[in-house]
Amino acid sequence: MRNASWLGRRSPLAKLAALALITLALVATIDAVSAAVVAAASFVMLGLAGIRPLAFLGRIWPFAVGAVIAVWGTAIAGEESGRVLLDLGFTTVSSGSLLLGVALGLRAFAIVLPSVIILSTTDPTDLADSLAQQLKLPARFVLGALAAMRLMGLLAEHWSTLGHARRARGIGAKKGLLGESPAPCPKRSGCWSRRSGQPHAWPSPWNPGASAPGRAPGHDQRVWCLRMLSWCWQARE
C-alpha cells in the first residue's frame, strides 16, 4: 500500500539521495551536536511522513538499545582522557571516553532514524520504476531489489497471520520477541501435531497428565530470526 503522506508522494530517488547525503555527513564526523540535530529533525518529519510517534518508537527501540550498548562499550574500551568517572578495576571510564561513546552511539542512532522514515514512505514498485527509468540500472538488479523488498513484506504478513492462527488454537498465547509460552487448547484436550500428523494430547485442566510434543532442533532460533525480520519490516506499515 502506497503511503499517502506528503513525504510518501515525493520521488524515491530524491529521498534516497537525501538519505545518502545525511549518512555521509554523519559518518564523516564524530559530532554529538550534528547527530542530535538529525535525530530531532527526524522526529519533526514524522508529521510529514504520516507516522504516529508511538508507532515510530515501537519500530526504533531495538536500535536505541544498540546505541546504549555502543555508548557503554566505547566508554569502557576507549582511550582514557580527562577526569576518571568510574574505576572498575580492570578498566576505567573517563569523561573523554564517555563523551566519545555518547557521540558514537548518538551518531549510529541518528543514521538509523531517517532510514526508517524513508523505508516507511517508499513503495517498492515506485523505487524499482525510478531505478529502471531514471538511473537506467540493469533489469536483473532492479527486479532482484523489488523481489527482496516484496518478499520481506510478505514474510511479515505471513508471520502475523501464523501468530493469529496459533493464538486462535491456544498455542503460543504469549506474544513477544524473545518469549513464547505454549497455552493449552481452549475447552479441549487434543491438538493436531504438525510433526506426526496425528492428534496429540496437550496438558490442560481436563487432561493434566498429557505432555506437549517436543520441538524440532533449532526451532527457537528460527522463530527468533523470523520475529526480528517481522519487527524490522513493521516500518513498512
Protein backbone atom coordinates (compact mmCIF):
# COMPACT_ATOMS: atom_id res chain seq x y z
CA MET A 1 0.00 0.00 0.00
CA ARG A 2 1.39 3.37 -1.04
CA ASN A 3 1.97 5.97 1.63
CA ALA A 4 -0.37 8.93 1.03
CA SER A 5 1.57 11.40 3.17
CA TRP A 6 3.49 14.38 1.85
CA LEU A 7 6.80 12.56 2.13
CA GLY A 8 5.32 9.41 0.62
CA ARG A 9 4.43 11.31 -2.58
CA ARG A 10 7.98 12.51 -3.14
CA SER A 11 10.35 10.86 -5.58
CA PRO A 12 12.03 7.71 -4.21
CA LEU A 13 15.36 8.72 -5.76
CA ALA A 14 15.20 12.17 -4.16
CA LYS A 15 14.59 10.59 -0.77
CA LEU A 16 17.44 8.13 -1.26
CA ALA A 17 19.77 10.95 -2.32
CA ALA A 18 18.86 12.99 0.77
CA LEU A 19 19.39 9.92 2.95
CA ALA A 20 22.80 9.30 1.37
CA LEU A 21 23.89 12.88 2.00
CA ILE A 22 22.78 12.75 5.63
CA THR A 23 24.52 9.42 6.16
CA LEU A 24 27.77 10.59 4.58
CA ALA A 25 27.75 13.77 6.66
CA LEU A 26 27.26 11.80 9.89
CA VAL A 27 29.85 9.17 9.02
CA ALA A 28 32.45 11.78 8.10
CA THR A 29 32.42 13.39 11.53
CA ILE A 30 32.02 12.39 15.16
CA ASP A 31 29.89 15.25 16.42
CA ALA A 32 27.16 14.75 19.01
CA VAL A 33 25.55 18.07 18.11
CA SER A 34 25.11 17.18 14.43
CA ALA A 35 23.71 13.77 15.33
CA ALA A 36 21.31 15.34 17.82
CA VAL A 37 20.08 17.79 15.18
CA VAL A 38 19.44 14.96 12.70
CA ALA A 39 17.61 12.93 15.36
CA ALA A 40 15.43 15.91 16.32
CA ALA A 41 14.69 16.67 12.67
CA SER A 42 13.66 13.03 12.13
CA PHE A 43 11.03 13.28 14.85
CA VAL A 44 9.80 16.57 13.38
CA MET A 45 9.42 14.87 9.98
CA LEU A 46 7.04 12.27 11.41
CA GLY A 47 4.07 14.51 10.69
CA LEU A 48 5.08 14.86 7.03
CA ALA A 49 5.62 11.09 6.81
CA GLY A 50 2.25 10.22 8.33
CA ILE A 51 3.80 8.09 11.10
CA ARG A 52 2.48 8.15 14.63
CA PRO A 53 5.16 8.88 17.25
CA LEU A 54 4.28 5.85 19.38
CA ALA A 55 4.39 3.56 16.36
CA PHE A 56 7.73 5.06 15.38
CA LEU A 57 9.13 4.46 18.86
CA GLY A 58 7.96 0.86 18.65
CA ARG A 59 9.99 0.40 15.47
CA ILE A 60 13.23 2.05 16.60
CA TRP A 61 13.57 0.79 20.17
CA PRO A 62 15.95 -2.08 19.21
CA PHE A 63 18.28 0.48 17.63
CA ALA A 64 18.06 2.64 20.75
CA VAL A 65 19.15 -0.35 22.84
CA GLY A 66 22.02 -0.95 20.44
CA ALA A 67 23.08 2.69 20.71
CA VAL A 68 23.16 2.46 24.51
CA ILE A 69 25.29 -0.68 24.28
CA ALA A 70 27.65 1.13 21.90
CA VAL A 71 27.94 4.04 24.34
CA TRP A 72 28.83 1.72 27.21
CA GLY A 73 31.28 -0.34 25.15
CA THR A 74 33.12 2.75 23.92
CA ALA A 75 33.16 4.27 27.38
CA ILE A 76 34.91 1.27 28.94
CA ALA A 77 37.17 0.44 25.97
CA GLY A 78 38.02 3.93 24.73
CA GLU A 79 41.23 5.76 25.47
CA GLU A 80 41.26 7.36 28.89
CA SER A 81 41.25 11.14 28.84
CA GLY A 82 40.08 13.74 31.30
CA ARG A 83 38.72 13.03 34.76
CA VAL A 84 38.13 9.43 35.79
CA LEU A 85 34.42 8.95 36.46
CA LEU A 86 34.35 5.24 37.26
CA ASP A 87 37.07 2.79 38.22
CA LEU A 88 36.08 -0.83 37.58
CA GLY A 89 39.48 -2.29 38.43
CA PHE A 90 40.20 -3.86 35.06
CA THR A 91 39.24 -0.67 33.24
CA THR A 92 38.15 2.89 33.87
CA VAL A 93 35.52 5.22 32.47
CA SER A 94 36.77 8.74 31.96
CA SER A 95 34.96 11.87 30.88
CA GLY A 96 36.68 11.78 27.49
CA SER A 97 35.80 8.16 26.73
CA LEU A 98 32.23 8.71 27.89
CA LEU A 99 31.79 11.73 25.62
CA LEU A 100 33.25 9.74 22.73
CA GLY A 101 30.83 6.89 23.42
CA VAL A 102 27.87 9.27 23.53
CA ALA A 103 28.93 10.81 20.22
CA LEU A 104 29.32 7.40 18.53
CA GLY A 105 26.08 5.98 19.90
CA LEU A 106 24.10 9.08 19.01
CA ARG A 107 25.62 9.11 15.53
CA ALA A 108 24.62 5.49 14.90
CA PHE A 109 21.12 6.17 16.20
CA ALA A 110 20.79 9.29 14.06
CA ILE A 111 21.77 7.33 10.94
CA VAL A 112 19.00 4.80 11.60
CA LEU A 113 16.13 7.27 12.15
CA PRO A 114 15.99 8.78 8.63
CA SER A 115 16.44 5.31 7.15
CA VAL A 116 13.34 4.03 8.97
CA ILE A 117 11.31 7.04 7.81
CA ILE A 118 12.42 6.65 4.19
CA LEU A 119 11.66 2.93 4.25
CA SER A 120 8.22 3.62 5.70
CA THR A 121 7.27 6.11 2.97
CA THR A 122 8.75 4.43 -0.12
CA ASP A 123 6.78 1.92 -2.15
CA PRO A 124 8.95 -0.88 -3.60
CA THR A 125 7.30 -0.63 -7.01
CA ASP A 126 7.90 3.12 -7.22
CA LEU A 127 11.52 2.63 -6.21
CA ALA A 128 12.02 -0.08 -8.83
CA ASP A 129 10.48 2.15 -11.52
CA SER A 130 12.79 5.01 -10.59
CA LEU A 131 15.86 2.79 -10.61
CA ALA A 132 15.00 1.40 -14.03
CA GLN A 133 13.70 4.53 -15.78
CA GLN A 134 15.85 7.28 -14.29
CA LEU A 135 19.08 5.60 -13.23
CA LYS A 136 18.92 3.06 -16.08
CA LEU A 137 20.10 0.24 -13.84
CA PRO A 138 20.14 -3.34 -15.18
CA ALA A 139 16.80 -5.11 -15.10
CA ARG A 140 18.24 -8.03 -13.11
CA PHE A 141 19.35 -5.73 -10.30
CA VAL A 142 16.04 -3.83 -10.25
CA LEU A 143 13.90 -6.97 -10.24
CA GLY A 144 16.07 -8.52 -7.53
CA ALA A 145 15.70 -5.46 -5.30
CA LEU A 146 11.95 -5.35 -5.90
CA ALA A 147 11.54 -9.06 -5.17
CA ALA A 148 13.58 -8.79 -1.96
CA MET A 149 11.51 -5.90 -0.63
CA ARG A 150 8.25 -7.58 -1.61
CA LEU A 151 9.23 -10.87 -0.01
CA MET A 152 10.19 -9.11 3.21
CA GLY A 153 6.71 -7.64 3.36
CA LEU A 154 5.08 -10.99 2.61
CA LEU A 155 7.20 -12.64 5.30
CA ALA A 156 6.00 -10.15 7.90
CA GLU A 157 2.36 -10.56 6.84
CA HIS A 158 2.55 -14.36 6.85
CA TRP A 159 4.26 -14.39 10.23
CA SER A 160 1.49 -12.19 11.66
CA THR A 161 -1.16 -14.47 10.17
CA LEU A 162 0.53 -17.54 11.65
CA GLY A 163 0.67 -15.84 15.03
CA HIS A 164 -3.07 -15.10 14.95
CA ALA A 165 -3.81 -18.68 13.90
CA ARG A 166 -1.67 -20.13 16.70
CA ARG A 167 -3.30 -17.93 19.33
CA ALA A 168 -6.76 -18.88 18.00
CA ARG A 169 -5.84 -22.54 18.59
CA GLY A 170 -4.48 -21.74 22.04
CA ILE A 171 -0.82 -22.19 21.10
CA GLY A 172 1.75 -19.51 21.83
CA ALA A 173 -0.56 -17.21 23.75
CA LYS A 174 2.32 -15.06 24.98
CA LYS A 175 3.29 -12.58 22.29
CA GLY A 176 6.80 -11.16 22.32
CA LEU A 177 10.16 -11.05 20.60
CA LEU A 178 12.04 -13.45 22.84
CA GLY A 179 9.35 -15.38 24.63
CA GLU A 180 6.61 -17.78 23.68
CA SER A 181 4.64 -19.86 26.13
CA PRO A 182 2.52 -22.70 24.74
CA ALA A 183 -1.03 -22.46 26.04
CA PRO A 184 -3.49 -25.35 26.27
CA CYS A 185 -6.14 -25.68 23.58
CA PRO A 186 -9.27 -23.97 24.88
CA LYS A 187 -12.01 -26.29 26.10
CA ARG A 188 -10.49 -29.39 24.57
CA SER A 189 -7.71 -31.79 25.37
CA GLY A 190 -6.34 -32.64 21.92
CA CYS A 191 -4.35 -30.68 19.34
CA TRP A 192 -3.05 -31.75 15.95
CA SER A 193 0.67 -32.45 15.88
CA ARG A 194 2.34 -30.98 12.80
CA ARG A 195 5.32 -33.32 13.07
CA SER A 196 3.48 -36.64 13.29
CA GLY A 197 0.24 -35.72 11.53
CA GLN A 198 -1.68 -37.32 14.42
CA PRO A 199 -3.75 -35.80 17.22
CA HIS A 200 -1.68 -35.09 20.30
CA ALA A 201 -2.92 -34.53 23.82
CA TRP A 202 -1.83 -31.22 25.33
CA PRO A 203 -1.74 -30.59 29.07
CA SER A 204 -4.92 -28.89 30.21
CA PRO A 205 -7.24 -28.77 33.23
CA TRP A 206 -9.25 -31.52 31.51
CA ASN A 207 -6.20 -33.66 30.76
CA PRO A 208 -3.42 -32.77 33.26
CA GLY A 209 -1.35 -35.89 32.55
CA ALA A 210 -0.66 -35.08 28.91
CA SER A 211 2.65 -33.68 27.72
CA ALA A 212 3.33 -31.26 24.90
CA PRO A 213 5.21 -32.63 21.85
CA GLY A 214 8.87 -31.73 21.55
CA ARG A 215 10.16 -29.10 19.17
CA ALA A 216 12.46 -29.67 16.28
CA PRO A 217 16.14 -28.73 16.84
CA GLY A 218 16.77 -25.06 16.17
CA HIS A 219 13.07 -24.15 16.41
CA ASP A 220 13.60 -21.32 18.89
CA GLN A 221 16.43 -19.80 16.82
CA ARG A 222 14.33 -19.82 13.65
CA VAL A 223 11.37 -18.29 15.48
CA TRP A 224 13.58 -15.55 16.93
CA CYS A 225 15.04 -14.70 13.49
CA LEU A 226 11.59 -14.57 11.92
CA ARG A 227 10.37 -12.30 14.67
CA MET A 228 13.30 -9.96 14.21
CA LEU A 229 12.61 -9.75 10.46
CA SER A 230 8.93 -9.17 11.11
CA TRP A 231 9.60 -6.43 13.64
CA CYS A 232 12.05 -4.67 11.34
CA TRP A 233 9.55 -4.75 8.49
CA GLN A 234 6.87 -3.05 10.61
CA ALA A 235 8.36 0.19 9.30
CA ARG A 236 6.66 -0.61 6.01
CA GLU A 237 3.18 -0.43 7.59
